[in-house]
Amino acid sequence: MTLIKSISGIRGTIGGAVGESLTPVDAVKFAAAFGSWVVAKTGKKKIIIGRDARPSGQMISDLVSSTLIGLGIDVVDLGLSTTPTVEIAVPLEEAGGGIILTASHNPVQWNALKLLNDKGEFISGDDGKEVLEIAEKDSFKFADVKKLGKVTTNDSYIQKHIEMVLALPLVDVEAIKKAKFKIVVDAVNSTGGISVLPLLKALGVETVEPLYCEPNGQFPHNPEPLPEHLGQISSMLESGKYDLGIVVDPDVDRLAFVDESGSVFGEEYTLVAVADYVLSQTKGNTVSNLSSTRALRDVTEKYGCQYEPSAVGEVNVVVKMKEIGAVIGGEGNGGIIYPELHYGRDALVGIALFLTHLAKFGKRVSMLRAKYPSYHISKNKIELSPEIDVDKVLTKMKEQYKKQPINTVDGVKIEFDKEWVHLRKSNTEPIIRIYAESESAATAEHLAQKIMSDIREIVAN
């Protein structure tokens, strides 16, 4: 069983021993720490919560809600919702923060508390450390019986979210209607079923074929939207009856597409395509993390604009976007951040912008994909054992490749002309990630294997 306490929240598997997995005791302790931090930081005694559809969601939600009430905090419970919807609700409700109960793309046995500040954005690293310290010291004080908080339920926010997307100047509903798209949606039996489907209806999509859109939490396949998990929707597209497949993860902040022939568009290229459309209408800077494809930089520079990389993690992307005034950004895992709406990864705004782009392009999805530079990323990982000194490994790798351009903002990224390799310790799992990119899949794989061999040699010595 696993419990990972990090600056971005608490994540773990359900069941097992206290402190070793995400038990009710751990959920209560961390909710109490965050609630105490919110009141101390903002003076506001109001927190928004929402959850994805995984089976443990209601249990964790009830625990978190009761804990916050016990602190004297009022809770607005959105129930089944999406991560970006909760993010939007926090400032609209003038709340002090938010908690999203989702383990995102992790399998069904996992759940998590993801923490938002009063802007509806993920809390910073420094804020996260403060929450962890409060939890470690049990330094929270509960309210007496006359000062308990109350819970109100509000299921209107997904519709509000959709209306805000439709109101964006770059979303062209008429163009989408005229295109008469026929679309299959795989929502992995979570909250994409109650958000993506009504969005497509509101956009005037002619035909929508739901695949796993019942929010019952029974994930029919691994919920991470990677090509190896998308066999069924790809088969449906191969029939030739549909123009596009749309895939979201359980909390609807990651977005992937499948083209009309059943080929995956590539989740790295979700952001590339949306950024291409946004930059064609609004010149400005872009940001993605160090592990994302170089194609975004190429597209950005095509418009005479500036691309900047950030450390991995949504909060780091957002900080960099604000720093350089980016008009679009995100992560190569299919996460679109469009500041015109809010600073958070949001599959709903990604879908609306992509469909507008496709409608105006007027050709097939595969032809749109062919417009962009074709890079291939080899994604690998090495399991960590206690005796491995990760910092030593990264320092040695930096020395070994000191003649190459190196970025150390987050781990070590080594550049070789248009190829690169990025090594970093995961924030959420006990592993080192090794990502390599090249214009050739074979070269990317070779580069990754070479670096992994170097790492194993360093560890052995």
Protein backbone atom coordinates (compact mmCIF):
# COMPACT_ATOMS: atom_id res chain seq x y z
CA MET A 1 0.00 0.00 0.00
CA THR A 2 1.18 3.55 -0.69
CA LEU A 3 0.77 6.99 0.87
CA ILE A 4 2.55 9.95 -0.71
CA LYS A 5 2.50 13.25 1.19
CA SER A 6 3.75 16.04 -1.01
CA ILE A 7 3.51 19.80 -1.35
CA SER A 8 0.69 19.28 -3.89
CA GLY A 9 -1.51 17.21 -1.58
CA ILE A 10 -1.89 13.71 -0.23
CA ARG A 11 -2.29 10.70 -2.51
CA GLY A 12 -2.53 7.03 -1.73
CA THR A 13 -4.17 3.67 -2.10
CA ILE A 14 -7.37 2.97 -0.18
CA GLY A 15 -7.22 0.55 2.77
CA GLY A 16 -4.31 -0.69 4.86
CA ALA A 17 -2.51 0.80 7.85
CA VAL A 18 -2.64 4.41 9.04
CA GLY A 19 0.30 6.39 7.65
CA GLU A 20 1.01 3.76 5.01
CA SER A 21 -1.98 4.28 2.70
CA LEU A 22 -4.89 6.70 2.35
CA THR A 23 -6.99 5.63 5.35
CA PRO A 24 -9.89 7.59 6.87
CA VAL A 25 -7.52 8.73 9.62
CA ASP A 26 -5.04 10.15 7.09
CA ALA A 27 -7.84 11.87 5.14
CA VAL A 28 -9.16 13.53 8.31
CA LYS A 29 -5.70 14.61 9.48
CA PHE A 30 -4.77 16.19 6.16
CA ALA A 31 -8.18 17.85 5.69
CA ALA A 32 -7.85 19.34 9.18
CA ALA A 33 -4.37 20.64 8.38
CA PHE A 34 -5.50 22.23 5.12
CA GLY A 35 -8.65 23.72 6.63
CA SER A 36 -6.62 25.23 9.47
CA TRP A 37 -4.13 26.65 6.96
CA VAL A 38 -6.89 28.20 4.82
CA VAL A 39 -8.46 30.02 7.78
CA ALA A 40 -5.07 31.27 9.02
CA LYS A 41 -4.00 32.36 5.53
CA THR A 42 -7.20 33.96 4.23
CA GLY A 43 -9.46 34.52 7.23
CA LYS A 44 -12.21 32.84 5.18
CA LYS A 45 -14.16 29.96 6.67
CA LYS A 46 -15.43 28.54 3.40
CA ILE A 47 -14.01 25.72 1.25
CA ILE A 48 -15.27 24.17 -2.00
CA ILE A 49 -15.04 20.40 -2.48
CA GLY A 50 -15.77 18.15 -5.46
CA ARG A 51 -14.85 14.63 -6.52
CA ASP A 52 -14.42 12.32 -9.46
CA ALA A 53 -16.47 9.12 -9.71
CA ARG A 54 -14.08 6.56 -8.25
CA PRO A 55 -15.73 4.22 -5.68
CA SER A 56 -13.87 5.64 -2.66
CA GLY A 57 -14.89 9.20 -3.55
CA GLN A 58 -18.04 9.49 -1.46
CA MET A 59 -16.34 8.05 1.62
CA ILE A 60 -13.36 10.41 1.37
CA SER A 61 -15.67 13.33 0.59
CA ASP A 62 -17.80 12.66 3.69
CA LEU A 63 -14.68 12.45 5.88
CA VAL A 64 -13.22 15.67 4.49
CA SER A 65 -16.52 17.52 4.69
CA SER A 66 -17.18 16.50 8.31
CA THR A 67 -13.63 17.44 9.31
CA LEU A 68 -13.96 20.92 7.80
CA ILE A 69 -17.33 21.42 9.53
CA GLY A 70 -15.64 20.41 12.78
CA LEU A 71 -13.15 23.24 12.26
CA GLY A 72 -16.02 25.71 11.93
CA ILE A 73 -15.65 25.95 8.14
CA ASP A 74 -18.62 26.09 5.75
CA VAL A 75 -18.39 23.58 2.91
CA VAL A 76 -19.85 23.97 -0.57
CA ASP A 77 -20.01 20.45 -1.97
CA LEU A 78 -20.16 20.24 -5.77
CA GLY A 79 -20.52 16.45 -5.58
CA LEU A 80 -19.46 14.68 -8.77
CA SER A 81 -17.45 17.31 -10.62
CA THR A 82 -14.23 17.94 -12.53
CA THR A 83 -10.94 19.40 -11.35
CA PRO A 84 -11.26 22.53 -13.54
CA THR A 85 -14.88 23.03 -12.43
CA VAL A 86 -13.85 23.10 -8.76
CA GLU A 87 -11.04 25.51 -9.68
CA ILE A 88 -13.54 27.86 -11.32
CA ALA A 89 -15.99 27.62 -8.40
CA VAL A 90 -13.52 28.69 -5.67
CA PRO A 91 -13.19 32.39 -6.67
CA LEU A 92 -16.81 32.59 -7.84
CA GLU A 93 -17.92 31.46 -4.37
CA GLU A 94 -15.34 33.77 -2.73
CA ALA A 95 -14.02 30.77 -0.81
CA GLY A 96 -10.70 30.48 1.00
CA GLY A 97 -9.70 27.37 -0.91
CA GLY A 98 -10.78 24.11 -2.49
CA ILE A 99 -10.18 20.38 -2.21
CA ILE A 100 -10.56 18.10 -5.23
CA LEU A 101 -10.96 14.45 -4.28
CA THR A 102 -9.35 12.68 -7.20
CA ALA A 103 -6.28 10.62 -7.96
CA SER A 104 -6.48 11.93 -11.52
CA HIS A 105 -5.07 9.32 -13.92
CA ASN A 106 -4.12 6.81 -11.21
CA PRO A 107 -5.93 3.43 -11.16
CA VAL A 108 -9.16 2.86 -9.24
CA GLN A 109 -7.55 1.81 -5.92
CA TRP A 110 -6.03 5.29 -5.55
CA ASN A 111 -7.53 8.54 -4.30
CA ALA A 112 -6.15 11.92 -3.29
CA LEU A 113 -6.81 15.34 -1.83
CA LYS A 114 -5.64 18.01 -4.31
CA LEU A 115 -5.46 21.44 -2.74
CA LEU A 116 -6.44 24.85 -4.15
CA ASN A 117 -5.81 28.37 -2.87
CA ASP A 118 -8.39 31.17 -2.83
CA LYS A 119 -7.75 31.88 -6.53
CA GLY A 120 -8.77 28.32 -7.42
CA GLU A 121 -5.17 27.45 -8.32
CA PHE A 122 -3.00 24.69 -6.89
CA ILE A 123 -1.20 25.81 -3.76
CA SER A 124 2.48 26.72 -4.06
CA GLY A 125 5.37 24.63 -2.80
CA ASP A 126 5.87 26.92 0.20
CA ASP A 127 2.17 26.77 1.05
CA GLY A 128 2.25 23.00 0.71
CA LYS A 129 5.14 22.77 3.18
CA GLU A 130 3.13 24.81 5.70
CA VAL A 131 0.17 22.41 5.35
CA LEU A 132 2.45 19.39 5.83
CA GLU A 133 3.95 20.97 8.97
CA ILE A 134 0.48 21.56 10.44
CA ALA A 135 -0.40 17.94 9.73
CA GLU A 136 2.83 16.59 11.25
CA LYS A 137 2.37 18.61 14.45
CA ASP A 138 -1.39 17.98 14.74
CA SER A 139 -1.65 21.74 15.26
CA PHE A 140 -5.33 22.19 14.54
CA LYS A 141 -8.09 23.26 16.90
CA PHE A 142 -11.69 22.25 16.35
CA ALA A 143 -14.72 24.48 16.88
CA ASP A 144 -17.15 24.18 19.78
CA VAL A 145 -20.68 22.99 19.15
CA LYS A 146 -22.13 26.46 18.57
CA LYS A 147 -19.53 27.34 15.91
CA LEU A 148 -19.60 24.26 13.69
CA GLY A 149 -19.65 24.88 9.97
CA LYS A 150 -22.42 23.81 7.60
CA VAL A 151 -22.59 22.01 4.27
CA THR A 152 -24.47 23.17 1.20
CA THR A 153 -24.61 21.20 -2.02
CA ASN A 154 -24.38 22.92 -5.39
CA ASP A 155 -24.53 20.93 -8.63
CA SER A 156 -24.83 23.96 -10.92
CA TYR A 157 -21.14 24.56 -11.55
CA ILE A 158 -20.57 22.20 -14.46
CA GLN A 159 -23.25 24.10 -16.38
CA LYS A 160 -21.68 27.43 -15.32
CA HIS A 161 -18.30 26.11 -16.46
CA ILE A 162 -19.74 25.17 -19.88
CA GLU A 163 -21.38 28.60 -20.25
CA MET A 164 -18.06 30.31 -19.45
CA VAL A 165 -16.33 28.22 -22.14
CA LEU A 166 -19.04 29.07 -24.70
CA ALA A 167 -18.65 32.78 -23.93
CA LEU A 168 -14.94 32.84 -24.84
CA PRO A 169 -14.26 34.99 -27.93
CA LEU A 170 -12.10 32.28 -29.56
CA VAL A 171 -14.80 29.59 -29.24
CA ASP A 172 -16.88 29.69 -32.45
CA VAL A 173 -20.07 27.71 -31.85
CA GLU A 174 -21.46 28.48 -35.30
CA ALA A 175 -18.36 27.15 -37.04
CA ILE A 176 -18.56 23.95 -34.99
CA LYS A 177 -22.27 23.50 -35.80
CA LYS A 178 -21.64 23.94 -39.51
CA ALA A 179 -18.88 21.31 -39.45
CA LYS A 180 -21.45 18.63 -38.40
CA PHE A 181 -18.86 16.65 -36.46
CA LYS A 182 -19.46 13.04 -35.49
CA ILE A 183 -17.56 12.34 -32.27
CA VAL A 184 -16.94 9.40 -29.91
CA VAL A 185 -16.24 10.22 -26.25
CA ASP A 186 -14.42 7.91 -23.81
CA ALA A 187 -14.90 9.33 -20.30
CA VAL A 188 -13.59 6.23 -18.46
CA ASN A 189 -16.89 6.06 -16.50
CA SER A 190 -16.10 9.20 -14.52
CA THR A 191 -17.14 12.84 -14.56
CA GLY A 192 -16.35 13.42 -18.24
CA GLY A 193 -19.75 11.80 -18.79
CA ILE A 194 -21.54 14.69 -17.05
CA SER A 195 -19.31 17.46 -18.44
CA VAL A 196 -17.95 16.60 -21.91
CA LEU A 197 -21.27 15.29 -23.25
CA PRO A 198 -23.30 18.42 -22.33
CA LEU A 199 -20.46 20.63 -23.62
CA LEU A 200 -20.55 18.92 -27.03
CA LYS A 201 -24.32 19.27 -27.14
CA ALA A 202 -24.03 22.99 -26.32
CA LEU A 203 -21.40 23.36 -29.07
CA GLY A 204 -23.84 21.91 -31.60
CA VAL A 205 -21.90 18.74 -32.40
CA GLU A 206 -24.13 16.71 -34.72
CA THR A 207 -23.44 13.19 -33.42
CA VAL A 208 -21.99 12.21 -30.05
CA GLU A 209 -21.39 8.52 -29.35
CA PRO A 210 -20.73 7.92 -25.62
CA LEU A 211 -18.24 5.23 -24.66
CA TYR A 212 -17.88 4.61 -20.91
CA CYS A 213 -19.69 7.81 -19.97
CA GLU A 214 -21.61 6.52 -16.92
CA PRO A 215 -20.04 8.17 -13.82
CA ASN A 216 -20.05 4.95 -11.80
CA GLY A 217 -16.29 4.82 -11.15
CA GLN A 218 -15.84 1.41 -12.77
CA PHE A 219 -12.86 2.25 -14.96
CA PRO A 220 -13.04 -0.06 -18.02
CA HIS A 221 -9.33 0.33 -18.73
CA ASN A 222 -6.30 2.06 -17.23
CA PRO A 223 -7.57 5.66 -16.87
CA GLU A 224 -4.40 7.36 -18.10
CA PRO A 225 -5.17 8.49 -21.71
CA LEU A 226 -2.16 6.84 -23.34
CA PRO A 227 -2.26 5.04 -26.73
CA GLU A 228 -1.92 1.58 -25.17
CA HIS A 229 -5.14 2.15 -23.19
CA LEU A 230 -7.26 3.45 -26.08
CA GLY A 231 -7.79 0.31 -28.15
CA GLN A 232 -11.59 0.30 -28.03
CA ILE A 233 -12.16 3.92 -29.08
CA SER A 234 -9.50 3.52 -31.79
CA SER A 235 -11.41 0.49 -33.14
CA MET A 236 -14.63 2.51 -33.24
CA LEU A 237 -12.91 5.25 -35.26
CA GLU A 238 -11.50 2.68 -37.69
CA SER A 239 -15.08 1.97 -38.83
CA GLY A 240 -15.04 5.30 -40.70
CA LYS A 241 -18.32 6.52 -39.13
CA TYR A 242 -16.76 9.24 -36.99
CA ASP A 243 -14.57 12.31 -37.40
CA LEU A 244 -12.90 12.38 -34.02
CA GLY A 245 -12.44 10.53 -30.73
CA ILE A 246 -12.18 12.50 -27.47
CA VAL A 247 -10.65 10.93 -24.35
CA VAL A 248 -10.44 12.46 -20.88
CA ASP A 249 -9.05 11.18 -17.60
CA PRO A 250 -11.26 10.68 -14.49
CA ASP A 251 -11.12 14.32 -13.32
CA VAL A 252 -11.22 15.89 -16.82
CA ASP A 253 -8.02 17.92 -16.73
CA ARG A 254 -6.21 15.80 -19.35
CA LEU A 255 -7.32 15.55 -22.96
CA ALA A 256 -6.38 13.24 -25.80
CA PHE A 257 -7.71 12.82 -29.34
CA VAL A 258 -8.03 9.95 -31.82
CA ASP A 259 -8.24 10.79 -35.53
CA GLU A 260 -10.78 9.58 -38.09
CA SER A 261 -8.71 6.50 -38.93
CA GLY A 262 -8.29 5.35 -35.33
CA SER A 263 -4.75 6.70 -34.95
CA VAL A 264 -3.97 8.59 -31.76
CA PHE A 265 -3.34 12.29 -32.26
CA GLY A 266 -0.79 12.14 -29.44
CA GLU A 267 -1.52 13.80 -26.10
CA GLU A 268 1.69 15.82 -26.49
CA TYR A 269 0.04 17.41 -29.53
CA THR A 270 -3.22 18.39 -27.80
CA LEU A 271 -1.50 21.54 -26.48
CA VAL A 272 0.41 22.07 -29.74
CA ALA A 273 -2.77 22.14 -31.85
CA VAL A 274 -4.73 24.34 -29.43
CA ALA A 275 -1.77 26.73 -29.10
CA ASP A 276 -1.52 26.94 -32.90
CA TYR A 277 -5.15 28.12 -33.05
CA VAL A 278 -4.84 30.54 -30.10
CA LEU A 279 -1.61 32.09 -31.46
CA SER A 280 -3.18 32.51 -34.92
CA GLN A 281 -5.79 34.73 -33.25
CA THR A 282 -3.88 36.20 -30.28
CA LYS A 283 -0.11 36.70 -30.48
CA GLY A 284 1.66 35.98 -27.22
CA ASN A 285 4.05 33.77 -25.30
CA THR A 286 3.64 30.09 -24.44
CA VAL A 287 4.83 27.77 -21.67
CA SER A 288 5.05 24.02 -21.20
CA ASN A 289 7.08 21.92 -18.80
CA LEU A 290 10.59 20.62 -19.47
CA SER A 291 9.29 17.12 -20.28
CA SER A 292 6.93 18.31 -23.03
CA THR A 293 7.52 18.18 -26.79
CA ARG A 294 9.68 20.71 -28.59
CA ALA A 295 6.85 21.10 -31.13
CA LEU A 296 5.20 23.81 -28.99
CA ARG A 297 8.39 25.88 -29.20
CA ASP A 298 8.47 25.40 -32.98
CA VAL A 299 4.83 26.49 -33.39
CA THR A 300 5.30 29.46 -31.05
CA GLU A 301 8.38 30.70 -32.91
CA LYS A 302 6.50 30.34 -36.23
CA TYR A 303 4.28 33.19 -35.01
CA GLY A 304 7.27 35.25 -33.88
CA CYS A 305 6.45 34.67 -30.22
CA GLN A 306 8.46 33.42 -27.25
CA TYR A 307 8.35 29.96 -25.70
CA GLU A 308 9.62 29.32 -22.15
CA PRO A 309 9.92 25.98 -20.33
CA SER A 310 8.98 25.48 -16.68
CA ALA A 311 9.60 22.85 -14.03
CA VAL A 312 7.21 19.90 -14.17
CA GLY A 313 3.92 20.35 -12.30
CA GLU A 314 0.88 22.48 -13.03
CA VAL A 315 1.71 25.04 -10.33
CA ASN A 316 5.14 25.61 -11.90
CA VAL A 317 3.66 26.04 -15.38
CA VAL A 318 1.18 28.60 -14.02
CA VAL A 319 3.92 30.58 -12.23
CA LYS A 320 5.97 30.76 -15.45
CA MET A 321 2.88 31.68 -17.52
CA LYS A 322 2.12 34.60 -15.22
CA GLU A 323 5.78 35.65 -15.21
CA ILE A 324 5.96 35.99 -19.01
CA GLY A 325 2.31 36.81 -19.69
CA ALA A 326 1.64 33.63 -21.69
CA VAL A 327 -1.63 33.45 -23.65
CA ILE A 328 -1.65 29.63 -23.67
CA GLY A 329 0.29 26.94 -21.86
CA GLY A 330 0.07 23.56 -20.26
CA GLU A 331 1.72 20.19 -20.09
CA GLY A 332 2.47 17.53 -22.67
CA ASN A 333 0.17 15.09 -20.91
CA GLY A 334 -2.83 16.68 -22.63
CA GLY A 335 -3.25 19.51 -20.12
CA ILE A 336 -4.44 22.83 -21.59
CA ILE A 337 -4.16 26.02 -19.50
CA TYR A 338 -5.99 28.97 -21.07
CA PRO A 339 -5.71 32.04 -18.79
CA GLU A 340 -8.62 33.79 -20.51
CA LEU A 341 -10.80 31.30 -18.59
CA HIS A 342 -8.67 30.32 -15.57
CA TYR A 343 -5.17 29.16 -14.60
CA GLY A 344 -5.74 25.42 -14.51
CA ARG A 345 -5.56 22.43 -16.85
CA ASP A 346 -9.00 22.14 -18.40
CA ALA A 347 -10.16 19.55 -20.93
CA LEU A 348 -13.45 21.37 -21.55
CA VAL A 349 -11.83 24.57 -22.82
CA GLY A 350 -9.32 22.42 -24.72
CA ILE A 351 -12.16 20.60 -26.52
CA ALA A 352 -13.96 23.82 -27.45
CA LEU A 353 -10.81 25.49 -28.80
CA PHE A 354 -9.70 22.35 -30.66
CA LEU A 355 -13.10 21.88 -32.33
CA THR A 356 -13.13 25.55 -33.37
CA HIS A 357 -9.64 25.09 -34.83
CA LEU A 358 -10.67 21.91 -36.65
CA ALA A 359 -13.87 23.49 -38.00
CA LYS A 360 -11.99 26.48 -39.38
CA PHE A 361 -9.25 24.21 -40.77
CA GLY A 362 -11.96 22.41 -42.74
CA LYS A 363 -10.07 19.14 -43.26
CA ARG A 364 -9.65 15.84 -41.46
CA VAL A 365 -8.02 15.48 -38.05
CA SER A 366 -5.14 13.45 -39.54
CA MET A 367 -4.37 16.32 -41.93
CA LEU A 368 -4.35 18.78 -39.03
CA ARG A 369 -1.89 16.56 -37.16
CA ALA A 370 0.33 16.38 -40.27
CA LYS A 371 0.74 20.19 -40.13
CA TYR A 372 2.92 19.97 -37.02
CA PRO A 373 6.57 19.01 -36.57
CA SER A 374 6.71 15.30 -35.84
CA TYR A 375 8.67 14.47 -32.71
CA HIS A 376 8.66 11.26 -30.74
CA ILE A 377 9.08 11.00 -26.97
CA SER A 378 10.32 7.86 -25.27
CA LYS A 379 8.98 7.83 -21.70
CA ASN A 380 10.80 5.59 -19.24
CA LYS A 381 11.31 5.20 -15.53
CA ILE A 382 13.68 3.54 -13.07
CA GLU A 383 12.24 2.29 -9.77
CA LEU A 384 14.00 3.83 -6.79
CA SER A 385 15.37 1.77 -3.92
CA PRO A 386 16.39 3.37 -0.60
CA GLU A 387 20.12 3.11 -1.30
CA ILE A 388 19.96 5.18 -4.51
CA ASP A 389 21.12 8.78 -3.99
CA VAL A 390 19.15 10.61 -6.68
CA ASP A 391 20.93 13.93 -6.20
CA LYS A 392 24.29 12.19 -6.68
CA VAL A 393 23.01 10.52 -9.86
CA LEU A 394 21.80 13.83 -11.31
CA THR A 395 25.05 15.62 -10.40
CA LYS A 396 27.14 12.89 -12.06
CA MET A 397 24.99 13.02 -15.20
CA LYS A 398 25.40 16.80 -15.34
CA GLU A 399 29.18 16.39 -15.15
CA GLN A 400 29.19 13.64 -17.77
CA TYR A 401 27.33 15.81 -20.31
CA LYS A 402 28.70 19.22 -19.34
CA LYS A 403 29.58 20.05 -22.97
CA GLN A 404 25.87 20.05 -23.89
CA PRO A 405 23.32 22.76 -23.04
CA ILE A 406 21.83 21.77 -19.67
CA ASN A 407 18.76 23.05 -17.79
CA THR A 408 18.64 22.27 -14.04
CA VAL A 409 15.37 24.02 -13.14
CA ASP A 410 13.82 20.60 -12.49
CA GLY A 411 16.20 17.64 -12.41
CA VAL A 412 18.56 17.65 -15.40
CA LYS A 413 17.57 18.31 -19.03
CA ILE A 414 20.33 17.77 -21.60
CA GLU A 415 19.88 19.11 -25.13
CA PHE A 416 21.44 17.67 -28.30
CA ASP A 417 20.45 20.02 -31.14
CA LYS A 418 16.74 19.15 -31.70
CA GLU A 419 16.91 16.16 -29.37
CA TRP A 420 16.78 16.19 -25.59
CA VAL A 421 16.64 13.96 -22.55
CA HIS A 422 15.12 14.95 -19.19
CA LEU A 423 15.82 13.14 -15.92
CA ARG A 424 13.87 13.95 -12.79
CA LYS A 425 12.63 12.42 -9.59
CA SER A 426 8.84 12.01 -9.69
CA ASN A 427 6.77 14.16 -7.30
CA THR A 428 4.12 11.47 -6.94
CA GLU A 429 5.86 8.09 -7.26
CA PRO A 430 9.16 6.55 -5.98
CA ILE A 431 10.83 6.60 -9.41
CA ILE A 432 13.25 8.54 -11.64
CA ARG A 433 11.59 9.51 -14.92
CA ILE A 434 13.71 9.51 -18.08
CA TYR A 435 12.10 11.22 -21.07
CA ALA A 436 13.89 11.56 -24.41
CA GLU A 437 12.67 13.22 -27.62
CA SER A 438 13.83 13.06 -31.23
CA GLU A 439 12.39 13.35 -34.72
CA SER A 440 12.78 9.56 -34.91
CA ALA A 441 11.09 7.16 -32.46
CA ALA A 442 14.05 4.78 -32.71
CA THR A 443 16.54 7.56 -31.95
CA ALA A 444 14.49 8.76 -28.96
CA GLU A 445 14.39 5.21 -27.60
CA HIS A 446 18.12 4.75 -28.20
CA LEU A 447 18.90 8.03 -26.44
CA ALA A 448 16.73 7.07 -23.45
CA GLN A 449 18.35 3.64 -23.18
CA LYS A 450 21.83 5.18 -23.36
CA ILE A 451 21.01 7.57 -20.50
CA MET A 452 19.43 4.77 -18.45
CA SER A 453 22.57 2.72 -18.95
CA ASP A 454 24.64 5.68 -17.72
CA ILE A 455 22.44 5.95 -14.63
CA ARG A 456 22.74 2.24 -13.82
CA GLU A 457 26.53 2.50 -14.15
CA ILE A 458 26.60 5.46 -11.73
CA VAL A 459 24.38 3.58 -9.24
CA ALA A 460 26.56 0.45 -9.51
CA ASN A 461 29.65 2.45 -8.61
